[in-house]
């Protein structure tokens, strides 16, 4: 039994970053050395000098969907806010819906585009116990195409109460995002620029891609006092054969795998657990809950943002760095007024 109280901390509200920096590479970087417990201050732009030639950088190439959209209830005219969570093989959507009054099965929502003009209609079909609705949209187009026309970036509520500005369309997305499917950004990757990636490549540090579609559960605080009782959320992920082969060869050659973010870590460690430490081609849903104590089989270095208290993400980095060292690092970050969460600064754990 482990208590979630070990993974709580106080954060002044003014340290929660509300906007991205003008230059992604200017984010501060707290370097945490596990072997010595030493903490050093740097910047993301210093990464090429902080890593080693031969290191293998692994990023999550999932693209954030503009998953937040609006409409009106045809029956009452009331305003509705919706969040797309996914779709199934039949084309039905899974959505969260915020509205005044009780929504009913077979209700029709008149959707609006970004200029508040009426567009497609959506039918609510069935509500699950977790509050997620199954819905039908009157279109043969895939959800990413529809959402590009009608959706806004699904900013977490701690950023301007989720209200999007023009800059978020670009900045709440990594520069290498490719595969649509996330409803939250893999935030450690937000710091990279093409120039930084090129400098890393020039240093002999190649980049590889995995995919994990970040779900809403990533922000969910742990409600149980006993971690064994926490229902871990599932997220779809993929490690392609070519990437797996390159990373497996690198590990056998004694080179380090540098995971950009907890989502990348989750993919690699899921596969390593499946194949007894080896990295092979794999895809599917992962519910891996990484928490102390945990033996990492794939990841050697972790680049990560600062995470909310009592979340599975904070438990993962605590498992990687050690709970006490991570508590010390967070205390230093607060004292030195690092910027926190999605648009905030980062930590390199070596």
C-alpha atoms as a PDB file:
ATOM      1  CA  UNK A   1       0.000   0.000   0.000  1.00  0.00           C
ATOM      2  CA  UNK A   2       1.287   3.484  -0.919  1.00  0.00           C
ATOM      3  CA  UNK A   3      -0.220   6.780   0.178  1.00  0.00           C
ATOM      4  CA  UNK A   4      -0.955   9.593  -2.289  1.00  0.00           C
ATOM      5  CA  UNK A   5       0.003  12.106   0.414  1.00  0.00           C
ATOM      6  CA  UNK A   6       3.653  11.636  -0.530  1.00  0.00           C
ATOM      7  CA  UNK A   7       2.877  13.101  -3.948  1.00  0.00           C
ATOM      8  CA  UNK A   8       1.247  16.362  -2.915  1.00  0.00           C
ATOM      9  CA  UNK A   9       2.762  19.838  -2.815  1.00  0.00           C
ATOM     10  CA  UNK A  10       1.779  23.487  -2.513  1.00  0.00           C
ATOM     11  CA  UNK A  11       2.064  25.679  -5.613  1.00  0.00           C
ATOM     12  CA  UNK A  12       1.463  29.436  -5.719  1.00  0.00           C
ATOM     13  CA  UNK A  13      -1.141  30.107  -8.390  1.00  0.00           C
ATOM     14  CA  UNK A  14       1.028  32.733 -10.082  1.00  0.00           C
ATOM     15  CA  UNK A  15       3.563  30.031 -11.050  1.00  0.00           C
ATOM     16  CA  UNK A  16       1.051  28.288 -13.342  1.00  0.00           C
ATOM     17  CA  UNK A  17       2.067  29.425 -16.849  1.00  0.00           C
ATOM     18  CA  UNK A  18      -0.860  31.048 -18.684  1.00  0.00           C
ATOM     19  CA  UNK A  19       0.885  31.671 -22.014  1.00  0.00           C
ATOM     20  CA  UNK A  20       3.776  30.073 -23.895  1.00  0.00           C
ATOM     21  CA  UNK A  21       7.127  31.851 -24.038  1.00  0.00           C
ATOM     22  CA  UNK A  22       7.880  33.813 -27.203  1.00  0.00           C
ATOM     23  CA  UNK A  23      10.646  31.308 -27.986  1.00  0.00           C
ATOM     24  CA  UNK A  24      10.065  27.655 -27.116  1.00  0.00           C
ATOM     25  CA  UNK A  25      13.763  27.091 -26.436  1.00  0.00           C
ATOM     26  CA  UNK A  26      13.919  29.789 -23.751  1.00  0.00           C
ATOM     27  CA  UNK A  27      12.106  27.589 -21.231  1.00  0.00           C
ATOM     28  CA  UNK A  28      14.142  26.933 -18.095  1.00  0.00           C
ATOM     29  CA  UNK A  29      15.433  23.439 -17.454  1.00  0.00           C
ATOM     30  CA  UNK A  30      16.082  21.944 -14.016  1.00  0.00           C
ATOM     31  CA  UNK A  31      18.721  19.240 -14.458  1.00  0.00           C
ATOM     32  CA  UNK A  32      18.341  16.451 -11.869  1.00  0.00           C
ATOM     33  CA  UNK A  33      21.223  14.010 -11.437  1.00  0.00           C
ATOM     34  CA  UNK A  34      19.965  10.808  -9.884  1.00  0.00           C
ATOM     35  CA  UNK A  35      23.420   9.438  -9.021  1.00  0.00           C
ATOM     36  CA  UNK A  36      24.469  12.460  -6.947  1.00  0.00           C
ATOM     37  CA  UNK A  37      21.204  14.217  -6.101  1.00  0.00           C
ATOM     38  CA  UNK A  38      22.653  17.389  -7.615  1.00  0.00           C
ATOM     39  CA  UNK A  39      20.302  19.982  -9.129  1.00  0.00           C
ATOM     40  CA  UNK A  40      21.490  22.422 -11.825  1.00  0.00           C
ATOM     41  CA  UNK A  41      19.749  25.221 -13.708  1.00  0.00           C
ATOM     42  CA  UNK A  42      19.864  25.446 -17.505  1.00  0.00           C
ATOM     43  CA  UNK A  43      17.565  26.120 -20.475  1.00  0.00           C
ATOM     44  CA  UNK A  44      15.970  23.900 -23.093  1.00  0.00           C
ATOM     45  CA  UNK A  45      18.270  25.404 -25.726  1.00  0.00           C
ATOM     46  CA  UNK A  46      21.188  23.836 -23.790  1.00  0.00           C
ATOM     47  CA  UNK A  47      19.944  20.290 -24.436  1.00  0.00           C
ATOM     48  CA  UNK A  48      22.449  19.527 -27.229  1.00  0.00           C
ATOM     49  CA  UNK A  49      25.265  20.177 -24.725  1.00  0.00           C
ATOM     50  CA  UNK A  50      23.576  18.351 -21.844  1.00  0.00           C
ATOM     51  CA  UNK A  51      23.025  15.093 -23.730  1.00  0.00           C
ATOM     52  CA  UNK A  52      25.662  12.735 -25.143  1.00  0.00           C
ATOM     53  CA  UNK A  53      26.518  11.758 -28.691  1.00  0.00           C
ATOM     54  CA  UNK A  54      24.819   8.426 -29.298  1.00  0.00           C
ATOM     55  CA  UNK A  55      21.825   9.206 -27.110  1.00  0.00           C
ATOM     56  CA  UNK A  56      18.546   8.257 -28.782  1.00  0.00           C
ATOM     57  CA  UNK A  57      15.838  10.932 -28.438  1.00  0.00           C
ATOM     58  CA  UNK A  58      12.297   9.522 -28.515  1.00  0.00           C
ATOM     59  CA  UNK A  59       9.276  11.789 -28.967  1.00  0.00           C
ATOM     60  CA  UNK A  60       5.512  11.308 -29.096  1.00  0.00           C
ATOM     61  CA  UNK A  61       4.236  12.384 -32.542  1.00  0.00           C
ATOM     62  CA  UNK A  62       0.553  12.445 -31.572  1.00  0.00           C
ATOM     63  CA  UNK A  63      -1.251  15.563 -32.781  1.00  0.00           C
ATOM     64  CA  UNK A  64      -3.709  17.402 -30.538  1.00  0.00           C
ATOM     65  CA  UNK A  65      -7.197  17.540 -31.985  1.00  0.00           C
ATOM     66  CA  UNK A  66      -9.141  20.822 -31.707  1.00  0.00           C
ATOM     67  CA  UNK A  67     -11.512  18.743 -29.623  1.00  0.00           C
ATOM     68  CA  UNK A  68     -13.542  21.458 -27.866  1.00  0.00           C
ATOM     69  CA  UNK A  69     -16.598  22.655 -29.775  1.00  0.00           C
ATOM     70  CA  UNK A  70     -19.952  24.331 -29.235  1.00  0.00           C
ATOM     71  CA  UNK A  71     -23.572  24.130 -30.265  1.00  0.00           C
ATOM     72  CA  UNK A  72     -27.148  24.728 -29.165  1.00  0.00           C
ATOM     73  CA  UNK A  73     -29.873  22.341 -28.039  1.00  0.00           C
ATOM     74  CA  UNK A  74     -32.465  22.257 -30.822  1.00  0.00           C
ATOM     75  CA  UNK A  75     -35.260  21.660 -28.307  1.00  0.00           C
ATOM     76  CA  UNK A  76     -34.468  24.587 -25.990  1.00  0.00           C
ATOM     77  CA  UNK A  77     -31.920  26.827 -27.726  1.00  0.00           C
ATOM     78  CA  UNK A  78     -29.598  26.418 -24.745  1.00  0.00           C
ATOM     79  CA  UNK A  79     -25.831  26.669 -25.318  1.00  0.00           C
ATOM     80  CA  UNK A  80     -23.812  23.453 -25.156  1.00  0.00           C
ATOM     81  CA  UNK A  81     -20.049  22.845 -24.853  1.00  0.00           C
ATOM     82  CA  UNK A  82     -18.696  19.497 -26.041  1.00  0.00           C
ATOM     83  CA  UNK A  83     -15.358  17.722 -25.834  1.00  0.00           C
ATOM     84  CA  UNK A  84     -14.519  14.997 -28.353  1.00  0.00           C
ATOM     85  CA  UNK A  85     -12.830  12.031 -26.663  1.00  0.00           C
ATOM     86  CA  UNK A  86     -12.715   9.501 -29.487  1.00  0.00           C
ATOM     87  CA  UNK A  87     -14.725   7.488 -31.972  1.00  0.00           C
ATOM     88  CA  UNK A  88     -15.362   3.796 -32.584  1.00  0.00           C
ATOM     89  CA  UNK A  89     -15.153   1.614 -35.671  1.00  0.00           C
ATOM     90  CA  UNK A  90     -18.779   2.380 -36.563  1.00  0.00           C
ATOM     91  CA  UNK A  91     -18.101   6.149 -36.670  1.00  0.00           C
ATOM     92  CA  UNK A  92     -19.939   7.000 -33.453  1.00  0.00           C
ATOM     93  CA  UNK A  93     -18.324   9.673 -31.287  1.00  0.00           C
ATOM     94  CA  UNK A  94     -17.628   9.671 -27.556  1.00  0.00           C
ATOM     95  CA  UNK A  95     -18.122  13.148 -26.097  1.00  0.00           C
ATOM     96  CA  UNK A  96     -18.389  14.967 -22.807  1.00  0.00           C
ATOM     97  CA  UNK A  97     -21.204  17.530 -22.783  1.00  0.00           C
ATOM     98  CA  UNK A  98     -21.714  20.593 -20.566  1.00  0.00           C
ATOM     99  CA  UNK A  99     -25.187  22.126 -20.634  1.00  0.00           C
ATOM    100  CA  UNK A 100     -27.810  23.575 -18.338  1.00  0.00           C
ATOM    101  CA  UNK A 101     -30.570  21.167 -17.464  1.00  0.00           C
ATOM    102  CA  UNK A 102     -30.692  17.439 -18.085  1.00  0.00           C
ATOM    103  CA  UNK A 103     -29.767  16.136 -21.511  1.00  0.00           C
ATOM    104  CA  UNK A 104     -31.829  13.301 -22.907  1.00  0.00           C
ATOM    105  CA  UNK A 105     -31.054  10.447 -25.300  1.00  0.00           C
ATOM    106  CA  UNK A 106     -32.065  11.298 -28.905  1.00  0.00           C
ATOM    107  CA  UNK A 107     -31.568  15.015 -28.238  1.00  0.00           C
ATOM    108  CA  UNK A 108     -30.254  16.951 -31.221  1.00  0.00           C
ATOM    109  CA  UNK A 109     -27.414  19.480 -30.908  1.00  0.00           C
ATOM    110  CA  UNK A 110     -26.983  22.077 -33.656  1.00  0.00           C
ATOM    111  CA  UNK A 111     -23.210  22.459 -33.928  1.00  0.00           C
ATOM    112  CA  UNK A 112     -21.489  25.760 -34.730  1.00  0.00           C
ATOM    113  CA  UNK A 113     -18.259  26.492 -36.570  1.00  0.00           C
ATOM    114  CA  UNK A 114     -15.541  28.867 -35.361  1.00  0.00           C
ATOM    115  CA  UNK A 115     -17.547  31.880 -36.570  1.00  0.00           C
ATOM    116  CA  UNK A 116     -20.626  30.670 -34.628  1.00  0.00           C
ATOM    117  CA  UNK A 117     -22.394  29.727 -37.870  1.00  0.00           C
ATOM    118  CA  UNK A 118     -24.672  26.699 -37.864  1.00  0.00           C
ATOM    119  CA  UNK A 119     -23.087  23.601 -39.358  1.00  0.00           C
ATOM    120  CA  UNK A 120     -23.628  19.870 -38.711  1.00  0.00           C
ATOM    121  CA  UNK A 121     -26.097  18.296 -36.325  1.00  0.00           C
ATOM    122  CA  UNK A 122     -25.170  15.862 -33.568  1.00  0.00           C
ATOM    123  CA  UNK A 123     -27.510  13.329 -31.960  1.00  0.00           C
ATOM    124  CA  UNK A 124     -26.930  12.222 -28.370  1.00  0.00           C
ATOM    125  CA  UNK A 125     -27.585   8.478 -28.160  1.00  0.00           C
ATOM    126  CA  UNK A 126     -26.592   7.026 -24.801  1.00  0.00           C
ATOM    127  CA  UNK A 127     -24.876   8.223 -21.628  1.00  0.00           C
ATOM    128  CA  UNK A 128     -22.464   5.919 -19.825  1.00  0.00           C
ATOM    129  CA  UNK A 129     -21.952   5.762 -16.069  1.00  0.00           C
ATOM    130  CA  UNK A 130     -18.802   7.880 -16.340  1.00  0.00           C
ATOM    131  CA  UNK A 131     -20.774  10.709 -17.966  1.00  0.00           C
ATOM    132  CA  UNK A 132     -19.484  10.128 -21.494  1.00  0.00           C
ATOM    133  CA  UNK A 133     -22.095  10.265 -24.261  1.00  0.00           C
ATOM    134  CA  UNK A 134     -22.131   8.185 -27.408  1.00  0.00           C
ATOM    135  CA  UNK A 135     -23.190  10.471 -30.254  1.00  0.00           C
ATOM    136  CA  UNK A 136     -23.849  10.424 -33.989  1.00  0.00           C
ATOM    137  CA  UNK A 137     -22.729  13.253 -36.286  1.00  0.00           C
ATOM    138  CA  UNK A 138     -24.414  13.704 -39.676  1.00  0.00           C
ATOM    139  CA  UNK A 139     -21.254  13.455 -41.757  1.00  0.00           C
ATOM    140  CA  UNK A 140     -19.165  10.862 -43.561  1.00  0.00           C
ATOM    141  CA  UNK A 141     -15.990  12.835 -42.888  1.00  0.00           C
ATOM    142  CA  UNK A 142     -13.559  11.538 -40.253  1.00  0.00           C
ATOM    143  CA  UNK A 143     -13.612  13.348 -36.880  1.00  0.00           C
ATOM    144  CA  UNK A 144     -10.217  15.135 -37.348  1.00  0.00           C
ATOM    145  CA  UNK A 145     -11.486  16.782 -40.553  1.00  0.00           C
ATOM    146  CA  UNK A 146     -14.717  17.928 -38.908  1.00  0.00           C
ATOM    147  CA  UNK A 147     -12.950  19.170 -35.769  1.00  0.00           C
ATOM    148  CA  UNK A 148     -10.485  21.264 -37.784  1.00  0.00           C
ATOM    149  CA  UNK A 149     -13.500  23.301 -38.976  1.00  0.00           C
ATOM    150  CA  UNK A 150     -15.486  23.567 -35.758  1.00  0.00           C
ATOM    151  CA  UNK A 151     -13.122  22.842 -32.879  1.00  0.00           C
ATOM    152  CA  UNK A 152     -10.893  24.794 -30.535  1.00  0.00           C
ATOM    153  CA  UNK A 153      -7.790  23.602 -28.717  1.00  0.00           C
ATOM    154  CA  UNK A 154      -8.736  21.661 -25.548  1.00  0.00           C
ATOM    155  CA  UNK A 155      -6.646  23.698 -23.129  1.00  0.00           C
ATOM    156  CA  UNK A 156      -6.635  22.393 -19.554  1.00  0.00           C
ATOM    157  CA  UNK A 157      -8.745  24.453 -17.150  1.00  0.00           C
ATOM    158  CA  UNK A 158      -5.708  25.854 -15.313  1.00  0.00           C
ATOM    159  CA  UNK A 159      -4.799  27.805 -18.486  1.00  0.00           C
ATOM    160  CA  UNK A 160      -7.209  30.763 -18.753  1.00  0.00           C
ATOM    161  CA  UNK A 161     -10.130  28.520 -17.719  1.00  0.00           C
ATOM    162  CA  UNK A 162      -9.645  26.665 -21.002  1.00  0.00           C
ATOM    163  CA  UNK A 163     -10.292  29.712 -23.190  1.00  0.00           C
ATOM    164  CA  UNK A 164      -8.322  29.551 -26.439  1.00  0.00           C
ATOM    165  CA  UNK A 165      -6.455  32.454 -28.016  1.00  0.00           C
ATOM    166  CA  UNK A 166      -5.070  32.580 -31.540  1.00  0.00           C
ATOM    167  CA  UNK A 167      -1.563  31.549 -30.468  1.00  0.00           C
ATOM    168  CA  UNK A 168      -2.784  28.299 -28.900  1.00  0.00           C
ATOM    169  CA  UNK A 169      -3.651  26.762 -32.271  1.00  0.00           C
ATOM    170  CA  UNK A 170       0.069  26.591 -33.016  1.00  0.00           C
ATOM    171  CA  UNK A 171       1.731  26.602 -29.601  1.00  0.00           C
ATOM    172  CA  UNK A 172      -0.347  23.871 -27.921  1.00  0.00           C
ATOM    173  CA  UNK A 173       1.129  21.511 -30.534  1.00  0.00           C
ATOM    174  CA  UNK A 174       4.622  20.082 -30.917  1.00  0.00           C
ATOM    175  CA  UNK A 175       6.541  21.059 -34.055  1.00  0.00           C
ATOM    176  CA  UNK A 176       6.695  17.363 -35.033  1.00  0.00           C
ATOM    177  CA  UNK A 177       3.034  16.479 -34.329  1.00  0.00           C
ATOM    178  CA  UNK A 178       1.758  14.187 -37.054  1.00  0.00           C
ATOM    179  CA  UNK A 179      -0.848  11.589 -36.023  1.00  0.00           C
ATOM    180  CA  UNK A 180      -4.200  13.163 -34.928  1.00  0.00           C
ATOM    181  CA  UNK A 181      -5.750  11.739 -31.787  1.00  0.00           C
ATOM    182  CA  UNK A 182      -4.790  13.503 -28.529  1.00  0.00           C
ATOM    183  CA  UNK A 183      -7.130  15.656 -26.453  1.00  0.00           C
ATOM    184  CA  UNK A 184      -4.210  17.100 -24.472  1.00  0.00           C
ATOM    185  CA  UNK A 185      -0.682  17.962 -25.558  1.00  0.00           C
ATOM    186  CA  UNK A 186       2.336  15.778 -24.748  1.00  0.00           C
ATOM    187  CA  UNK A 187       3.737  18.873 -23.090  1.00  0.00           C
ATOM    188  CA  UNK A 188       7.442  18.026 -22.723  1.00  0.00           C
ATOM    189  CA  UNK A 189       7.646  18.120 -26.507  1.00  0.00           C
ATOM    190  CA  UNK A 190       6.266  21.663 -26.722  1.00  0.00           C
ATOM    191  CA  UNK A 191       9.750  23.033 -25.974  1.00  0.00           C
ATOM    192  CA  UNK A 192      11.426  21.793 -29.154  1.00  0.00           C
ATOM    193  CA  UNK A 193      12.108  23.887 -32.229  1.00  0.00           C
ATOM    194  CA  UNK A 194      13.398  22.678 -35.612  1.00  0.00           C
ATOM    195  CA  UNK A 195      16.701  24.418 -34.783  1.00  0.00           C
ATOM    196  CA  UNK A 196      17.135  22.557 -31.491  1.00  0.00           C
ATOM    197  CA  UNK A 197      16.294  19.236 -33.153  1.00  0.00           C
ATOM    198  CA  UNK A 198      18.854  19.964 -35.873  1.00  0.00           C
ATOM    199  CA  UNK A 199      21.546  20.797 -33.305  1.00  0.00           C
ATOM    200  CA  UNK A 200      20.797  17.519 -31.532  1.00  0.00           C
ATOM    201  CA  UNK A 201      21.093  15.613 -34.807  1.00  0.00           C
ATOM    202  CA  UNK A 202      24.372  17.383 -35.551  1.00  0.00           C
ATOM    203  CA  UNK A 203      25.641  16.197 -32.161  1.00  0.00           C
ATOM    204  CA  UNK A 204      24.889  12.587 -33.124  1.00  0.00           C
ATOM    205  CA  UNK A 205      21.589  12.435 -31.217  1.00  0.00           C
ATOM    206  CA  UNK A 206      18.907  11.138 -33.606  1.00  0.00           C
ATOM    207  CA  UNK A 207      15.162  11.491 -32.994  1.00  0.00           C
ATOM    208  CA  UNK A 208      12.700   8.593 -33.135  1.00  0.00           C
ATOM    209  CA  UNK A 209       8.898   8.701 -32.942  1.00  0.00           C
ATOM    210  CA  UNK A 210       6.320   6.719 -31.021  1.00  0.00           C
ATOM    211  CA  UNK A 211       2.615   7.545 -30.818  1.00  0.00           C
ATOM    212  CA  UNK A 212       0.418   7.797 -27.735  1.00  0.00           C
ATOM    213  CA  UNK A 213      -2.910   9.601 -27.935  1.00  0.00           C
ATOM    214  CA  UNK A 214      -3.187  11.544 -24.690  1.00  0.00           C
ATOM    215  CA  UNK A 215      -6.588  11.127 -23.059  1.00  0.00           C
ATOM    216  CA  UNK A 216      -8.532  13.186 -20.548  1.00  0.00           C
ATOM    217  CA  UNK A 217      -7.479  10.803 -17.777  1.00  0.00           C
ATOM    218  CA  UNK A 218      -3.971  12.252 -17.861  1.00  0.00           C
ATOM    219  CA  UNK A 219      -5.165  15.227 -15.750  1.00  0.00           C
ATOM    220  CA  UNK A 220      -7.331  13.218 -13.388  1.00  0.00           C
ATOM    221  CA  UNK A 221      -6.153  13.505  -9.788  1.00  0.00           C
ATOM    222  CA  UNK A 222      -5.875  10.311  -7.796  1.00  0.00           C
ATOM    223  CA  UNK A 223      -8.878  10.198  -5.466  1.00  0.00           C
ATOM    224  CA  UNK A 224      -8.006   7.049  -3.509  1.00  0.00           C
ATOM    225  CA  UNK A 225      -5.724   7.066  -0.474  1.00  0.00           C
ATOM    226  CA  UNK A 226      -4.418   3.620  -1.476  1.00  0.00           C
ATOM    227  CA  UNK A 227      -2.702   3.683  -4.885  1.00  0.00           C
ATOM    228  CA  UNK A 228      -3.640   0.050  -5.440  1.00  0.00           C
ATOM    229  CA  UNK A 229      -7.263   1.162  -5.690  1.00  0.00           C
ATOM    230  CA  UNK A 230      -6.720   3.842  -8.371  1.00  0.00           C
ATOM    231  CA  UNK A 231      -8.401   2.912 -11.692  1.00  0.00           C
ATOM    232  CA  UNK A 232      -5.656   3.662 -14.241  1.00  0.00           C
ATOM    233  CA  UNK A 233      -6.868   5.232 -17.509  1.00  0.00           C
ATOM    234  CA  UNK A 234      -6.142   3.568 -20.860  1.00  0.00           C
ATOM    235  CA  UNK A 235      -4.508   5.315 -23.822  1.00  0.00           C
ATOM    236  CA  UNK A 236      -3.867   4.004 -27.349  1.00  0.00           C
ATOM    237  CA  UNK A 237      -0.209   3.769 -28.275  1.00  0.00           C
ATOM    238  CA  UNK A 238       2.101   2.443 -30.980  1.00  0.00           C
ATOM    239  CA  UNK A 239       5.785   1.595 -31.333  1.00  0.00           C
ATOM    240  CA  UNK A 240       6.607   0.944 -34.991  1.00  0.00           C
ATOM    241  CA  UNK A 241       8.920  -1.824 -36.119  1.00  0.00           C
ATOM    242  CA  UNK A 242      11.664   0.404 -37.547  1.00  0.00           C
ATOM    243  CA  UNK A 243      11.805   2.549 -34.400  1.00  0.00           C
ATOM    244  CA  UNK A 244      11.751  -0.505 -32.151  1.00  0.00           C
ATOM    245  CA  UNK A 245      14.619  -2.063 -34.095  1.00  0.00           C
ATOM    246  CA  UNK A 246      16.747   1.079 -33.940  1.00  0.00           C
ATOM    247  CA  UNK A 247      16.166   1.553 -30.210  1.00  0.00           C
ATOM    248  CA  UNK A 248      16.803  -2.097 -29.404  1.00  0.00           C
ATOM    249  CA  UNK A 249      20.096  -1.963 -31.311  1.00  0.00           C
ATOM    250  CA  UNK A 250      21.053   1.232 -29.507  1.00  0.00           C
ATOM    251  CA  UNK A 251      20.353  -0.316 -26.104  1.00  0.00           C
ATOM    252  CA  UNK A 252      22.435  -3.350 -26.965  1.00  0.00           C
ATOM    253  CA  UNK A 253      25.254  -0.981 -27.937  1.00  0.00           C
ATOM    254  CA  UNK A 254      25.068   0.676 -24.519  1.00  0.00           C
ATOM    255  CA  UNK A 255      23.508   3.910 -25.768  1.00  0.00           C
ATOM    256  CA  UNK A 256      20.950   5.801 -23.694  1.00  0.00           C
ATOM    257  CA  UNK A 257      17.276   6.191 -24.548  1.00  0.00           C
ATOM    258  CA  UNK A 258      16.083   9.724 -23.775  1.00  0.00           C
ATOM    259  CA  UNK A 259      12.297   9.826 -23.453  1.00  0.00           C
ATOM    260  CA  UNK A 260      10.617  13.166 -24.136  1.00  0.00           C
ATOM    261  CA  UNK A 261       7.698  13.141 -21.733  1.00  0.00           C
ATOM    262  CA  UNK A 262       5.760  10.734 -19.588  1.00  0.00           C
ATOM    263  CA  UNK A 263       3.669   9.626 -22.579  1.00  0.00           C
ATOM    264  CA  UNK A 264       6.744   8.475 -24.507  1.00  0.00           C
ATOM    265  CA  UNK A 265       7.979   6.756 -21.347  1.00  0.00           C
ATOM    266  CA  UNK A 266       4.659   4.964 -20.977  1.00  0.00           C
ATOM    267  CA  UNK A 267       4.865   3.586 -24.531  1.00  0.00           C
ATOM    268  CA  UNK A 268       8.436   2.336 -24.189  1.00  0.00           C
ATOM    269  CA  UNK A 269       7.965   0.827 -20.748  1.00  0.00           C
ATOM    270  CA  UNK A 270       4.701  -0.856 -21.809  1.00  0.00           C
ATOM    271  CA  UNK A 271       6.499  -2.588 -24.669  1.00  0.00           C
ATOM    272  CA  UNK A 272       9.516  -3.483 -22.536  1.00  0.00           C
ATOM    273  CA  UNK A 273       7.212  -5.028 -19.930  1.00  0.00           C
ATOM    274  CA  UNK A 274       5.405  -6.989 -22.649  1.00  0.00           C
ATOM    275  CA  UNK A 275       8.605  -8.388 -24.163  1.00  0.00           C
ATOM    276  CA  UNK A 276      10.739  -8.939 -21.037  1.00  0.00           C
ATOM    277  CA  UNK A 277      12.915  -5.864 -21.543  1.00  0.00           C
ATOM    278  CA  UNK A 278      13.095  -5.962 -25.344  1.00  0.00           C
ATOM    279  CA  UNK A 279      11.657  -3.319 -27.669  1.00  0.00           C
ATOM    280  CA  UNK A 280       9.584  -4.689 -30.535  1.00  0.00           C
ATOM    281  CA  UNK A 281       6.785  -3.538 -32.807  1.00  0.00           C
ATOM    282  CA  UNK A 282       3.600  -3.088 -30.743  1.00  0.00           C
ATOM    283  CA  UNK A 283       0.285  -1.246 -30.736  1.00  0.00           C
ATOM    284  CA  UNK A 284      -2.740  -1.285 -28.494  1.00  0.00           C
ATOM    285  CA  UNK A 285      -4.178   0.266 -25.343  1.00  0.00           C
ATOM    286  CA  UNK A 286      -1.852   0.698 -22.382  1.00  0.00           C
ATOM    287  CA  UNK A 287      -3.014   0.903 -18.787  1.00  0.00           C
ATOM    288  CA  UNK A 288       0.474   0.708 -17.327  1.00  0.00           C
ATOM    289  CA  UNK A 289       0.593   2.493 -13.963  1.00  0.00           C
ATOM    290  CA  UNK A 290       4.197   3.471 -13.253  1.00  0.00           C
ATOM    291  CA  UNK A 291       4.734   4.370  -9.592  1.00  0.00           C
ATOM    292  CA  UNK A 292       7.361   3.860  -6.918  1.00  0.00           C
ATOM    293  CA  UNK A 293       8.945   1.400  -6.661  1.00  0.00           C
ATOM    294  CA  UNK A 294       9.340   0.571 -10.368  1.00  0.00           C
ATOM    295  CA  UNK A 295      12.222  -0.863 -12.393  1.00  0.00           C
ATOM    296  CA  UNK A 296      12.596   0.946 -15.715  1.00  0.00           C
ATOM    297  CA  UNK A 297      13.607  -1.373 -18.546  1.00  0.00           C
ATOM    298  CA  UNK A 298      13.720   0.991 -21.538  1.00  0.00           C
ATOM    299  CA  UNK A 299      14.188   4.632 -20.516  1.00  0.00           C
ATOM    300  CA  UNK A 300      17.532   5.967 -19.272  1.00  0.00           C
ATOM    301  CA  UNK A 301      16.957   9.754 -19.321  1.00  0.00           C
ATOM    302  CA  UNK A 302      13.658  11.623 -18.980  1.00  0.00           C
ATOM    303  CA  UNK A 303      12.724  15.126 -20.119  1.00  0.00           C
ATOM    304  CA  UNK A 304       9.464  16.157 -18.507  1.00  0.00           C
ATOM    305  CA  UNK A 305       7.409  19.181 -17.502  1.00  0.00           C
ATOM    306  CA  UNK A 306       6.272  19.864 -13.942  1.00  0.00           C
ATOM    307  CA  UNK A 307       3.089  17.991 -13.089  1.00  0.00           C
ATOM    308  CA  UNK A 308      -0.001  18.541 -10.992  1.00  0.00           C
ATOM    309  CA  UNK A 309      -0.065  17.136  -7.442  1.00  0.00           C
ATOM    310  CA  UNK A 310      -1.577  13.693  -6.825  1.00  0.00           C
ATOM    311  CA  UNK A 311      -1.474  12.678 -10.494  1.00  0.00           C
ATOM    312  CA  UNK A 312      -0.164   9.531 -12.121  1.00  0.00           C
ATOM    313  CA  UNK A 313       2.315  11.689 -14.070  1.00  0.00           C
ATOM    314  CA  UNK A 314       3.957  12.914 -10.860  1.00  0.00           C
ATOM    315  CA  UNK A 315       4.104   9.328  -9.615  1.00  0.00           C
ATOM    316  CA  UNK A 316       5.867   8.271 -12.821  1.00  0.00           C
ATOM    317  CA  UNK A 317       8.621  10.885 -12.496  1.00  0.00           C
ATOM    318  CA  UNK A 318       8.937  10.072  -8.794  1.00  0.00           C
ATOM    319  CA  UNK A 319       9.445   6.426  -9.694  1.00  0.00           C
ATOM    320  CA  UNK A 320      12.161   7.467 -12.164  1.00  0.00           C
ATOM    321  CA  UNK A 321      14.047   9.954  -9.969  1.00  0.00           C
ATOM    322  CA  UNK A 322      13.171   8.713  -6.495  1.00  0.00           C
ATOM    323  CA  UNK A 323      10.421  10.178  -4.348  1.00  0.00           C
ATOM    324  CA  UNK A 324      12.638  12.233  -2.017  1.00  0.00           C
ATOM    325  CA  UNK A 325      14.807  13.650  -4.822  1.00  0.00           C
ATOM    326  CA  UNK A 326      11.692  14.610  -6.743  1.00  0.00           C
ATOM    327  CA  UNK A 327      10.204  16.334  -3.698  1.00  0.00           C
ATOM    328  CA  UNK A 328      13.441  18.310  -3.318  1.00  0.00           C
ATOM    329  CA  UNK A 329      13.457  19.214  -7.018  1.00  0.00           C
ATOM    330  CA  UNK A 330       9.890  20.511  -6.862  1.00  0.00           C
ATOM    331  CA  UNK A 331      10.687  22.550  -3.742  1.00  0.00           C
ATOM    332  CA  UNK A 332      13.625  24.139  -5.553  1.00  0.00           C
ATOM    333  CA  UNK A 333      11.505  24.780  -8.665  1.00  0.00           C
ATOM    334  CA  UNK A 334       8.872  26.577  -6.580  1.00  0.00           C
ATOM    335  CA  UNK A 335      11.486  28.570  -4.678  1.00  0.00           C
ATOM    336  CA  UNK A 336      13.242  29.589  -7.914  1.00  0.00           C
ATOM    337  CA  UNK A 337       9.883  30.477  -9.482  1.00  0.00           C
ATOM    338  CA  UNK A 338       9.953  28.059 -12.369  1.00  0.00           C
ATOM    339  CA  UNK A 339       6.857  28.161 -14.575  1.00  0.00           C
ATOM    340  CA  UNK A 340       4.588  25.136 -14.064  1.00  0.00           C
ATOM    341  CA  UNK A 341       2.404  22.784 -16.119  1.00  0.00           C
ATOM    342  CA  UNK A 342       1.610  22.674 -19.837  1.00  0.00           C
ATOM    343  CA  UNK A 343       3.139  25.994 -20.938  1.00  0.00           C
ATOM    344  CA  UNK A 344       5.733  25.916 -18.185  1.00  0.00           C
ATOM    345  CA  UNK A 345       9.378  24.963 -17.785  1.00  0.00           C
ATOM    346  CA  UNK A 346      10.918  21.498 -17.805  1.00  0.00           C
ATOM    347  CA  UNK A 347      13.123  19.063 -15.945  1.00  0.00           C
ATOM    348  CA  UNK A 348      15.849  16.772 -17.313  1.00  0.00           C
ATOM    349  CA  UNK A 349      16.363  13.701 -15.128  1.00  0.00           C
ATOM    350  CA  UNK A 350      19.642  11.936 -15.888  1.00  0.00           C
END
